[in-house]
Amino acid sequence: MTLKRSHDEHGAVAEAEGRAKKQRKGFSVGPENLPDGIYRRKVQKIKKDLIHKAKLKRSYAKIKAREAELSSSVPVPPLMTPDEESKSELHPERQAMLDEPSSESTPDRKFGERPSRSRVRKPKPVPFEREAKLAERRRLDAEARKKEREESDRQRQQKLEQRERFRKAMAKARTSGRNGQRKLGRESKVLLERVQRVMSE
């Protein structure tokens, strides 16, 4: 047999409160079906960080609200001089350091300038400096060879043109005239040019 429910009022009230106060699930980060391993631990770490940040924000908001209440109810204290403020705020060791006369103080130095040292810096080594010089030398040699080649080609072309011009002039001079004789006047001019050219070289 099954047990019957008791009809006491206390049980009914507790049941009604249980329905009203539903348990909240919370929030989830990442997929729920991850196997235990690197990815799951990463997701758990992210969730912990989010919870920690939320708690910090909440506590900061509480402190800020408390300070706002205190500042509105507490009267403003009399103003202190800057020396008194700095002395009250600084750590005793730091204050002792500030009170000591500094032996290394140089008042003529500009703000942000480092103290001058007698150390001379070496020039920064240039990577592949030797290879760069070698490449530059090779490039200059290649340019010189190219110029020489161009000059020799130009001279060769000039000589070929002169030879061709001389051959044509000789062929024209050797043709026989009306009566079948050679034209010695033309031939002598071409030969004279040739002799002068040979003598000048």
Protein backbone atom coordinates (compact mmCIF):
# COMPACT_ATOMS: atom_id res chain seq x y z
CA MET A 1 0.00 0.00 0.00
CA THR A 2 1.06 3.50 -0.61
CA LEU A 3 1.47 6.09 2.12
CA LYS A 4 -0.98 8.91 2.28
CA ARG A 5 0.17 12.50 2.40
CA SER A 6 -0.17 14.36 5.64
CA HIS A 7 -2.43 17.40 5.51
CA ASP A 8 -0.52 19.60 7.90
CA GLU A 9 -0.25 23.28 7.02
CA HIS A 10 3.49 23.45 7.51
CA GLY A 11 4.16 20.94 4.72
CA ALA A 12 1.94 22.80 2.27
CA VAL A 13 3.63 26.14 3.04
CA ALA A 14 7.12 24.64 2.60
CA GLU A 15 6.08 23.12 -0.73
CA ALA A 16 4.74 26.47 -1.94
CA GLU A 17 7.98 28.21 -0.93
CA GLY A 18 10.01 25.53 -2.75
CA ARG A 19 8.15 26.25 -5.96
CA ALA A 20 8.61 30.01 -5.51
CA LYS A 21 12.36 29.71 -4.79
CA LYS A 22 13.49 27.82 -7.85
CA GLN A 23 17.14 26.81 -7.82
CA ARG A 24 19.07 28.83 -10.42
CA LYS A 25 21.30 26.82 -12.70
CA GLY A 26 24.06 29.44 -13.10
CA PHE A 27 25.86 30.12 -16.37
CA SER A 28 27.84 27.88 -18.66
CA VAL A 29 30.94 28.57 -20.73
CA GLY A 30 31.67 26.40 -23.75
CA PRO A 31 30.02 23.11 -24.66
CA GLU A 32 28.83 20.86 -21.84
CA ASN A 33 29.93 17.54 -23.33
CA LEU A 34 33.69 18.16 -23.43
CA PRO A 35 35.87 15.25 -22.33
CA ASP A 36 38.23 15.88 -19.44
CA GLY A 37 41.41 17.34 -20.87
CA ILE A 38 43.06 20.51 -22.06
CA TYR A 39 39.95 22.09 -23.58
CA ARG A 40 37.73 21.40 -20.60
CA ARG A 41 40.32 22.82 -18.19
CA LYS A 42 40.60 25.91 -20.40
CA VAL A 43 36.82 26.40 -20.30
CA GLN A 44 36.80 25.94 -16.52
CA LYS A 45 39.61 28.49 -16.16
CA ILE A 46 37.68 31.03 -18.25
CA LYS A 47 34.58 30.47 -16.11
CA LYS A 48 36.56 30.96 -12.87
CA ASP A 49 38.07 34.18 -14.25
CA LEU A 50 34.63 35.51 -15.15
CA ILE A 51 33.29 34.69 -11.69
CA HIS A 52 36.31 36.34 -10.04
CA LYS A 53 35.90 39.50 -12.14
CA ALA A 54 32.19 39.67 -11.30
CA LYS A 55 32.95 39.36 -7.57
CA LEU A 56 35.57 42.10 -7.83
CA LYS A 57 33.12 44.43 -9.59
CA ARG A 58 30.47 43.74 -6.96
CA SER A 59 32.86 44.38 -4.06
CA TYR A 60 34.15 47.55 -5.75
CA ALA A 61 30.60 48.81 -6.17
CA LYS A 62 29.90 48.15 -2.47
CA ILE A 63 33.07 49.99 -1.38
CA LYS A 64 32.26 52.91 -3.66
CA ALA A 65 28.73 53.15 -2.28
CA ARG A 66 30.06 53.00 1.30
CA GLU A 67 32.58 55.78 0.58
CA ALA A 68 29.89 57.90 -1.00
CA GLU A 69 27.78 57.54 2.19
CA LEU A 70 30.78 58.37 4.39
CA SER A 71 31.83 61.40 2.36
CA SER A 72 28.35 62.86 2.44
CA SER A 73 28.03 62.41 6.24
CA VAL A 74 31.64 63.23 7.33
CA PRO A 75 32.71 66.92 7.36
CA VAL A 76 35.72 67.90 5.21
CA PRO A 77 38.99 68.01 7.26
CA PRO A 78 41.10 71.20 7.15
CA LEU A 79 43.53 71.36 4.25
CA MET A 80 47.09 70.26 4.86
CA THR A 81 50.14 71.82 3.30
CA PRO A 82 51.79 69.84 0.47
CA ASP A 83 54.79 69.01 2.66
CA GLU A 84 52.60 67.51 5.37
CA GLU A 85 50.66 65.51 2.78
CA SER A 86 53.79 64.10 1.15
CA LYS A 87 55.33 63.27 4.54
CA SER A 88 52.20 61.50 5.70
CA GLU A 89 51.82 59.50 2.48
CA LEU A 90 55.44 58.41 1.90
CA HIS A 91 57.09 55.36 3.36
CA PRO A 92 59.65 56.22 6.09
CA GLU A 93 62.60 54.80 4.12
CA ARG A 94 61.63 56.75 1.02
CA GLN A 95 61.20 59.88 3.08
CA ALA A 96 64.68 59.40 4.54
CA MET A 97 66.10 59.06 1.02
CA LEU A 98 64.40 62.29 -0.04
CA ASP A 99 65.61 64.20 3.02
CA GLU A 100 69.26 63.16 2.43
CA PRO A 101 71.32 65.63 0.39
CA SER A 102 72.10 63.83 -2.86
CA SER A 103 75.75 63.83 -3.87
CA GLU A 104 75.07 62.97 -7.50
CA SER A 105 72.53 65.70 -8.15
CA THR A 106 73.36 67.76 -11.21
CA PRO A 107 70.96 70.70 -11.52
CA ASP A 108 72.29 71.78 -14.93
CA ARG A 109 71.06 68.57 -16.55
CA LYS A 110 67.92 68.71 -18.67
CA PHE A 111 64.85 66.64 -17.89
CA GLY A 112 65.00 63.12 -19.35
CA GLU A 113 68.73 63.28 -20.05
CA ARG A 114 70.86 60.42 -18.84
CA PRO A 115 74.03 61.09 -16.88
CA SER A 116 77.01 61.23 -19.22
CA ARG A 117 79.35 58.29 -19.09
CA SER A 118 82.87 58.06 -20.37
CA ARG A 119 82.13 54.82 -22.17
CA VAL A 120 82.49 55.08 -25.94
CA ARG A 121 80.06 52.99 -27.89
CA LYS A 122 81.28 50.80 -30.68
CA PRO A 123 79.57 51.28 -34.01
CA LYS A 124 76.75 48.85 -34.52
CA PRO A 125 77.93 45.90 -36.59
CA VAL A 126 76.36 45.86 -40.02
CA PRO A 127 75.20 42.36 -40.91
CA PHE A 128 76.77 40.93 -44.10
CA GLU A 129 79.04 43.97 -44.54
CA ARG A 130 81.80 41.92 -46.17
CA GLU A 131 79.33 40.23 -48.53
CA ALA A 132 77.82 43.62 -49.44
CA LYS A 133 81.27 45.02 -50.31
CA LEU A 134 82.06 41.92 -52.38
CA ALA A 135 78.74 42.21 -54.22
CA GLU A 136 79.39 45.91 -54.91
CA ARG A 137 82.86 45.12 -56.28
CA ARG A 138 81.40 42.39 -58.52
CA ARG A 139 78.72 44.77 -59.77
CA LEU A 140 81.32 47.43 -60.64
CA ASP A 141 83.47 44.83 -62.42
CA ALA A 142 80.45 43.62 -64.40
CA GLU A 143 79.62 47.21 -65.40
CA ALA A 144 83.22 47.80 -66.54
CA ARG A 145 83.19 44.57 -68.60
CA LYS A 146 79.86 45.55 -70.12
CA LYS A 147 81.23 49.00 -71.13
CA GLU A 148 84.34 47.40 -72.65
CA ARG A 149 82.21 44.93 -74.59
CA GLU A 150 79.93 47.70 -75.85
CA GLU A 151 82.97 49.76 -76.91
CA SER A 152 84.56 46.82 -78.74
CA ASP A 153 81.23 46.03 -80.44
CA ARG A 154 80.92 49.65 -81.53
CA GLN A 155 84.47 49.70 -82.91
CA ARG A 156 83.92 46.39 -84.70
CA GLN A 157 80.71 47.71 -86.22
CA GLN A 158 82.53 50.89 -87.31
CA LYS A 159 85.32 48.87 -88.96
CA LEU A 160 82.79 46.67 -90.73
CA GLU A 161 81.00 49.75 -92.05
CA GLN A 162 84.32 51.26 -93.24
CA ARG A 163 85.34 48.00 -94.90
CA GLU A 164 81.97 47.74 -96.62
CA ARG A 165 82.17 51.36 -97.77
CA PHE A 166 85.76 50.78 -99.09
CA ARG A 167 84.67 47.61 -100.90
CA LYS A 168 81.78 49.40 -102.57
CA ALA A 169 84.01 52.35 -103.53
CA MET A 170 86.64 49.99 -105.01
CA ALA A 171 84.01 48.02 -106.85
CA LYS A 172 82.63 51.23 -108.29
CA ALA A 173 86.16 52.47 -109.20
CA ARG A 174 87.10 49.16 -110.87
CA THR A 175 84.20 49.20 -113.23
CA SER A 176 85.38 49.94 -116.68
CA GLY A 177 84.51 53.17 -118.36
CA ARG A 178 82.96 53.67 -121.80
CA ASN A 179 85.98 52.41 -123.61
CA GLY A 180 86.69 49.48 -121.17
CA GLN A 181 89.50 51.10 -119.21
CA ARG A 182 89.62 51.32 -115.34
CA LYS A 183 88.90 54.65 -113.60
CA LEU A 184 92.25 55.34 -111.94
CA GLY A 185 91.20 58.72 -110.46
CA ARG A 186 88.46 57.17 -108.38
CA GLU A 187 90.59 54.19 -107.47
CA SER A 188 93.48 56.42 -106.34
CA LYS A 189 91.22 58.43 -104.00
CA VAL A 190 89.95 55.25 -102.29
CA LEU A 191 93.48 53.84 -101.96
CA LEU A 192 94.76 57.17 -100.57
CA GLU A 193 92.03 57.14 -97.86
CA ARG A 194 92.98 53.59 -96.99
CA VAL A 195 96.70 54.46 -96.66
CA GLN A 196 95.91 57.50 -94.47
CA ARG A 197 93.71 55.39 -92.22
CA VAL A 198 96.39 52.70 -91.84
CA MET A 199 99.06 55.32 -91.09
CA SER A 200 96.91 57.03 -88.43
CA GLU A 201 96.38 53.73 -86.56
